[in-house]
Protein backbone atom coordinates (compact mmCIF):
# COMPACT_ATOMS: atom_id res chain seq x y z
CA MET A 1 -26.55 25.53 -24.81
CA GLU A 2 -25.54 24.11 -28.17
CA ALA A 3 -26.12 27.43 -29.95
CA ALA A 4 -24.06 29.29 -27.35
CA ARG A 5 -21.26 26.76 -27.74
CA ARG A 6 -21.22 27.22 -31.53
CA ARG A 7 -21.10 31.00 -31.20
CA ALA A 8 -18.24 30.68 -28.72
CA VAL A 9 -16.30 28.45 -31.14
CA LEU A 10 -16.78 30.98 -33.97
CA ASP A 11 -15.66 33.86 -31.75
CA LEU A 12 -12.56 31.95 -30.66
CA ARG A 13 -11.69 31.21 -34.27
CA CYS A 14 -12.01 34.91 -35.11
CA LEU A 15 -9.73 35.74 -32.23
CA ALA A 16 -7.19 33.17 -33.43
CA ASP A 17 -7.25 34.60 -36.98
CA ALA A 18 -6.85 38.18 -35.79
CA ALA A 19 -3.38 39.44 -36.64
CA VAL A 20 -1.37 42.39 -35.36
CA PRO A 21 -0.21 44.81 -38.08
CA PRO A 22 3.47 44.35 -38.95
CA GLY A 23 5.79 46.80 -37.20
CA ALA A 24 3.23 47.68 -34.53
CA GLY A 25 4.59 49.27 -31.41
CA ALA A 26 4.26 48.22 -27.79
CA ALA A 27 1.17 50.38 -27.24
CA VAL A 28 -0.65 48.70 -30.13
CA LEU A 29 0.25 45.24 -28.78
CA ARG A 30 -1.04 46.13 -25.31
CA ARG A 31 -4.36 47.36 -26.73
CA HIS A 32 -4.66 44.21 -28.82
CA LEU A 33 -4.06 41.96 -25.79
CA ALA A 34 -6.59 43.90 -23.72
CA THR A 35 -9.18 43.42 -26.48
CA LEU A 36 -8.47 39.68 -26.59
CA ARG A 37 -8.87 39.36 -22.80
CA THR A 38 -12.15 41.23 -22.87
CA ARG A 39 -13.63 39.09 -25.63
CA VAL A 40 -12.48 35.83 -24.03
CA SER A 41 -14.07 36.89 -20.71
CA GLU A 42 -17.34 37.67 -22.50
CA ILE A 43 -17.32 34.23 -24.15
CA ALA A 44 -16.68 32.52 -20.79
CA ARG A 45 -19.56 34.43 -19.17
CA THR A 46 -21.86 33.49 -22.05
CA LEU A 47 -21.03 29.80 -21.69
CA ALA A 48 -21.46 29.91 -17.92
CA GLY A 49 -24.86 31.55 -18.24
CA ALA A 50 -26.01 28.98 -20.82
CA ALA A 51 -25.12 25.98 -18.63
CA PRO A 52 -28.11 23.86 -17.57
CA PRO A 53 -29.20 24.09 -13.93
CA PRO A 54 -28.13 21.26 -11.59
CA PRO A 55 -30.64 18.45 -11.00
CA PRO A 56 -32.89 18.84 -7.95
CA PRO A 57 -31.89 16.86 -4.83
CA ARG A 58 -33.54 13.49 -4.44
CA ASP A 59 -34.88 12.13 -1.18
CA ALA A 60 -33.19 9.12 0.41
CA PRO A 61 -34.82 5.74 -0.33
CA PRO A 62 -36.44 3.89 2.58
CA GLY A 63 -33.90 2.25 4.87
CA VAL A 64 -30.93 4.42 3.78
CA PRO A 65 -29.57 6.90 6.37
CA PRO A 66 -29.68 10.52 5.12
CA ALA A 67 -25.95 11.01 5.82
CA LYS A 68 -25.00 8.12 3.53
CA TRP A 69 -27.44 9.27 0.83
CA ASP A 70 -25.88 12.75 0.87
CA ALA A 71 -22.52 11.14 -0.03
CA VAL A 72 -24.11 9.32 -3.00
CA ASP A 73 -26.58 11.86 -4.43
CA PRO A 74 -24.58 14.05 -6.91
CA ALA A 75 -26.89 17.04 -6.43
CA LYS A 76 -26.47 17.05 -2.65
CA VAL A 77 -22.71 16.52 -2.93
CA ALA A 78 -22.44 19.52 -5.28
CA ALA A 79 -24.66 21.67 -3.06
CA GLY A 80 -22.69 20.69 0.05
CA SER A 81 -19.37 21.40 -1.66
CA ALA A 82 -20.50 24.88 -2.64
CA ALA A 83 -21.89 25.62 0.82
CA ASP A 84 -18.92 24.23 2.80
CA GLY A 85 -16.18 25.68 0.64
CA GLY A 86 -15.44 22.50 -1.29
CA THR A 87 -15.31 20.01 1.56
CA GLY A 88 -18.26 18.02 0.29
CA GLY A 89 -21.63 17.53 2.02
CA ASP A 90 -21.50 17.33 5.77
CA GLY A 91 -17.70 17.12 5.84
CA GLY A 92 -17.68 13.71 7.57
CA ALA A 93 -19.15 11.24 5.05
CA ALA A 94 -16.64 9.41 2.90
CA ALA A 95 -17.09 9.23 -0.85
CA PRO A 96 -18.33 5.94 -2.33
CA GLY A 97 -15.43 3.57 -2.87
CA ALA A 98 -13.12 5.40 -0.47
CA VAL A 99 -12.76 2.40 1.85
CA PRO A 100 -11.86 -0.15 -0.91
CA ALA A 101 -9.40 2.33 -2.46
CA ALA A 102 -7.70 2.98 0.89
CA ALA A 103 -7.65 -0.77 1.60
CA GLY A 104 -5.93 -1.39 -1.74
CA ARG A 105 -3.21 1.16 -0.99
CA LEU A 106 -2.72 -0.35 2.46
CA ALA A 107 -2.44 -3.86 0.98
CA GLU A 108 0.29 -2.73 -1.43
CA ALA A 109 2.22 -1.05 1.39
CA VAL A 110 1.98 -4.12 3.65
CA TYR A 111 2.97 -6.45 0.81
CA ARG A 112 6.07 -4.37 0.06
CA ALA A 113 6.94 -4.31 3.75
CA GLY A 114 6.76 -8.11 3.85
CA GLU A 115 8.94 -8.43 0.78
CA ARG A 116 11.53 -6.17 2.37
CA LEU A 117 11.60 -8.24 5.54
CA PHE A 118 11.97 -11.54 3.64
CA ALA A 119 14.76 -10.03 1.54
CA THR A 120 16.67 -9.02 4.68
CA VAL A 121 17.32 -12.66 5.56
CA ASP A 122 17.42 -13.82 1.91
CA ALA A 123 14.41 -16.05 2.61
CA ASP A 124 13.57 -16.88 -1.03
CA HIS A 125 17.07 -17.79 -2.14
CA ARG A 126 15.84 -21.17 -3.49
CA GLU A 127 13.86 -19.36 -6.20
CA ALA A 128 16.55 -16.84 -7.11
CA GLY A 129 18.25 -18.84 -9.85
CA GLU A 130 21.87 -19.69 -9.20
CA ARG A 131 22.24 -17.27 -6.31
CA ARG A 132 23.06 -18.95 -2.98
CA PRO A 133 21.88 -17.61 0.38
CA ALA A 134 23.82 -14.91 2.15
CA PRO A 135 25.09 -15.97 5.59
CA LEU A 136 23.44 -14.83 8.80
CA ASP A 137 25.46 -13.43 11.67
CA ALA A 138 25.07 -11.40 14.84
CA THR A 139 24.14 -8.25 12.87
CA SER A 140 21.31 -9.90 10.89
CA LEU A 141 18.70 -9.33 13.61
CA ALA A 142 19.70 -5.67 13.92
CA GLN A 143 19.35 -5.27 10.15
CA PHE A 144 15.94 -6.94 10.31
CA ARG A 145 14.81 -4.49 13.01
CA ARG A 146 15.96 -1.51 10.96
CA ALA A 147 14.17 -2.85 7.89
CA LEU A 148 10.97 -3.36 9.90
CA ALA A 149 11.07 0.18 11.26
CA ALA A 150 11.70 1.64 7.80
CA ALA A 151 9.07 -0.47 6.05
CA THR A 152 6.27 0.45 8.43
CA HIS A 153 6.34 4.22 7.77
CA ARG A 154 4.18 3.95 4.65
CA VAL A 155 2.03 1.27 6.29
CA ARG A 156 1.28 3.67 9.14
CA ARG A 157 0.15 6.42 6.76
CA CYS A 158 -2.05 4.06 4.72
CA LEU A 159 -3.56 2.59 7.87
CA ALA A 160 -4.47 6.06 9.12
CA ALA A 161 -6.08 6.85 5.75
CA LEU A 162 -8.15 3.65 5.91
CA ASP A 163 -9.30 4.43 9.45
CA ALA A 164 -10.30 7.94 8.37
CA ALA A 165 -12.23 6.64 5.34
CA ALA A 166 -14.10 4.11 7.48
CA GLU A 167 -14.99 6.56 10.24
CA PRO A 168 -18.78 7.13 10.28
CA ALA A 169 -20.32 10.56 9.96
CA GLU A 170 -21.02 12.53 13.10
CA ASP A 171 -24.79 12.57 12.52
CA SER A 172 -25.00 8.92 11.50
CA ASP A 173 -27.48 6.88 13.53
CA GLY A 174 -26.04 3.49 12.59
CA ASP A 175 -23.68 1.14 14.41
CA ASP A 176 -20.53 2.97 15.53
CA ASP A 177 -18.36 -0.12 14.94
CA ALA A 178 -19.74 -0.89 11.47
CA GLY A 179 -17.06 1.22 9.79
CA GLY A 180 -14.27 -0.61 11.59
CA ARG A 181 -15.64 -4.02 10.62
CA ALA A 182 -16.06 -2.92 7.01
CA ALA A 183 -12.50 -1.58 6.94
CA ALA A 184 -11.12 -4.83 8.39
CA ALA A 185 -13.02 -6.94 5.85
CA ALA A 186 -11.95 -4.71 2.95
CA GLY A 187 -8.33 -4.78 4.13
CA PHE A 188 -8.19 -8.57 4.37
CA ALA A 189 -9.79 -8.99 0.92
CA ALA A 190 -7.34 -6.47 -0.55
CA LEU A 191 -4.38 -8.32 1.00
CA GLN A 192 -5.52 -11.62 -0.51
CA SER A 193 -6.02 -10.01 -3.91
CA CYS A 194 -2.64 -8.25 -3.73
CA TRP A 195 -0.83 -11.48 -2.84
CA THR A 196 -2.50 -13.40 -5.68
CA ARG A 197 -1.75 -10.64 -8.19
CA HIS A 198 1.95 -10.42 -7.33
CA ARG A 199 2.71 -14.07 -6.65
CA ARG A 200 0.51 -16.04 -9.06
CA GLU A 201 -0.45 -13.66 -11.86
CA ARG A 202 2.67 -11.54 -12.24
CA ARG A 203 5.03 -14.08 -10.59
CA ASP A 204 7.28 -11.35 -9.22
CA PRO A 205 10.83 -12.58 -8.59
CA PRO A 206 12.16 -12.52 -5.01
CA ARG A 207 14.13 -9.56 -3.80
CA GLY A 208 17.74 -9.99 -2.77
CA SER A 209 21.28 -8.81 -3.31
CA PRO A 210 23.63 -10.34 -5.91
CA GLU A 211 25.95 -13.04 -4.69
CA THR A 212 29.06 -11.45 -3.22
CA ARG A 213 32.59 -12.75 -2.96
CA SER A 214 32.15 -13.57 0.72
CA VAL A 215 29.07 -15.68 -0.05
CA ARG A 216 30.92 -17.62 -2.76
CA ARG A 217 33.83 -18.15 -0.38
CA LEU A 218 31.48 -19.39 2.34
CA HIS A 219 29.87 -22.01 0.10
CA ALA A 220 33.13 -23.11 -1.54
CA HIS A 221 35.10 -23.53 1.68
CA PRO A 222 35.10 -27.12 3.04
CA PRO A 223 34.70 -27.64 6.80
CA CYS A 224 38.00 -27.55 8.64
CA ALA A 225 39.29 -27.87 12.18
CA ARG A 226 41.65 -24.90 11.95
CA THR A 227 41.42 -22.57 14.92
CA GLY A 228 40.24 -19.08 14.04
CA CYS A 229 38.84 -19.91 10.59
CA VAL A 230 36.60 -16.97 9.66
CA VAL A 231 34.46 -18.95 7.21
CA CYS A 232 33.74 -21.80 9.59
CA SER A 233 33.02 -19.31 12.38
CA ARG A 234 30.37 -17.66 10.24
CA ARG A 235 28.81 -21.05 9.53
CA VAL A 236 28.68 -21.82 13.23
CA ALA A 237 27.10 -18.40 13.94
CA ASP A 238 24.53 -18.97 11.20
CA ALA A 239 23.51 -22.36 12.61
CA ALA A 240 23.38 -21.04 16.18
CA LEU A 241 21.11 -18.16 15.12
CA VAL A 242 18.67 -20.56 13.47
CA ARG A 243 18.70 -22.91 16.48
CA ARG A 244 17.85 -20.08 18.84
CA ALA A 245 14.98 -18.97 16.61
CA PHE A 246 13.43 -22.45 16.46
CA GLY A 247 14.03 -23.48 20.04
CA GLY A 248 17.08 -25.67 19.63
CA GLY A 249 16.36 -27.31 16.27
CA ASP A 250 18.12 -26.36 13.06
CA GLU A 251 15.39 -27.68 10.75
CA ALA A 252 12.04 -25.97 10.19
CA GLY A 253 9.16 -28.45 10.04
CA PRO A 254 5.35 -28.39 10.27
CA ARG A 255 5.39 -27.61 13.99
CA ALA A 256 7.28 -24.38 13.32
CA LEU A 257 4.77 -23.47 10.58
CA TRP A 258 1.73 -23.90 12.84
CA ALA A 259 3.43 -21.89 15.56
CA ALA A 260 4.14 -19.13 13.03
CA VAL A 261 0.56 -18.90 11.74
CA ALA A 262 -1.06 -18.85 15.19
CA ARG A 263 -3.11 -15.75 15.89
CA PRO A 264 -1.19 -13.14 17.92
CA ALA A 265 -2.32 -12.41 21.45
CA PRO A 266 -4.27 -9.15 21.92
CA GLU A 267 -1.76 -7.95 24.53
CA ALA A 268 1.31 -8.68 22.37
CA THR A 269 4.01 -6.03 22.57
CA PRO A 270 5.99 -4.69 19.59
CA ALA A 271 8.96 -6.82 20.71
CA ASP A 272 6.80 -9.98 20.66
CA LEU A 273 5.46 -9.18 17.20
CA GLU A 274 8.96 -8.41 15.93
CA ALA A 275 10.21 -11.77 17.23
CA ARG A 276 7.37 -13.60 15.48
CA LEU A 277 8.13 -11.86 12.18
CA TRP A 278 11.80 -12.77 12.58
CA ARG A 279 10.95 -16.45 13.13
CA ALA A 280 8.58 -16.44 10.15
CA ALA A 281 11.28 -15.03 7.86
CA LEU A 282 13.79 -17.64 9.07
CA LEU A 283 11.17 -20.35 8.59
CA VAL A 284 10.90 -19.51 4.90
CA ARG A 285 14.68 -19.47 4.59
CA CYS A 286 15.29 -22.78 6.38
CA HIS A 287 12.15 -24.82 5.68
CA GLN A 288 12.59 -28.49 4.77
CA ARG A 289 10.44 -29.70 1.90
CA ARG A 290 11.21 -33.31 2.75
CA ARG A 291 9.38 -32.74 6.03
CA GLY A 292 6.20 -31.64 4.30
CA LEU A 293 6.62 -27.88 4.12
CA ARG A 294 5.80 -26.09 0.85
CA LEU A 295 6.85 -22.48 1.25
CA ASN A 296 7.74 -21.40 -2.24
CA ARG A 297 6.39 -18.00 -3.20
CA ASP A 298 3.24 -19.19 -4.99
CA GLU A 299 2.25 -22.15 -2.79
CA ALA A 300 -0.75 -22.40 -0.47
CA GLN A 301 1.22 -22.82 2.78
CA ARG A 302 3.24 -19.74 1.89
CA LYS A 303 0.06 -17.75 1.33
CA LEU A 304 -1.16 -18.77 4.78
CA LEU A 305 2.13 -17.72 6.34
CA ASP A 306 2.36 -14.46 4.40
CA LEU A 307 -1.15 -13.36 5.33
CA ARG A 308 -0.35 -13.97 8.98
CA CYS A 309 2.86 -11.95 8.58
CA TYR A 310 0.86 -9.08 7.07
CA GLU A 311 -1.46 -9.21 10.08
CA LEU A 312 1.58 -9.11 12.37
CA VAL A 313 2.93 -6.05 10.52
CA LEU A 314 -0.39 -4.23 10.99
CA ALA A 315 -0.50 -5.25 14.66
CA TYR A 316 3.10 -4.03 15.08
CA VAL A 317 2.18 -0.63 13.62
CA ARG A 318 -0.85 -0.28 15.88
CA ALA A 319 1.07 -1.41 18.97
CA ALA A 320 3.97 0.95 18.27
CA ASP A 321 1.70 4.03 18.05
């Protein structure tokens, strides 16, 4: 193999040094190109014939199903790819590491969806420097619903890819539900790792729009009793929206946190899951630290709430299909 490679290198150098006579016509150039193609093809055939044969297939160790060993053994993977037209082995076994890779992509998609939902209600305005929160009004819930529908498109594709990677082979004699449990465990571990990487290692800043003139006017305007005041009307609408979300109270305390992190019911509808995500986003926006809540972006209570929100997003995608 080494001798054939050296001869091929010398032949390629000779081809590179070969020059066409000056003033040669088109016929001479065509003959020269045909000669080059012929010699390059001969060199490629020589190298292909000198390649070492593939290693012989190895038998599966005791206790390992043959279908899983076919996905690991390089010789059997290569033989299956050649026999099946490049599909690889039996066509149903996933490559090693496919489930963790798909879980990582799903975790990134779900994390970005959560960030988009929190940004819709300006939930992390306390950590956005001098920027003050944008007001909420009657259109805020509609904007939140549109953001949820748009953010779940990529989540749906990544979730389908994870389900496909975790699906067992057709001839596998193992537990049929083992792939689903492995995918769920890999997805939860990937979500935890993704949250830690973005919030505690990179310390990504919160998303949000710059402070607009209407927001500055809202915060600078003192309360008044004038009938028809637009600024005071928006404040009243903001407070009423928060009270409806938290059942009559305008302050978010520990009781609201424990209600937000409760496990969703198996029969929850997309509307129920959407309402829970809406209340969780408002909880981050309106939480009271003097009442014991710690919902800044890198704190432990926020991690608990965010992981539950990610689970709600995944449940929303599955329920909507």
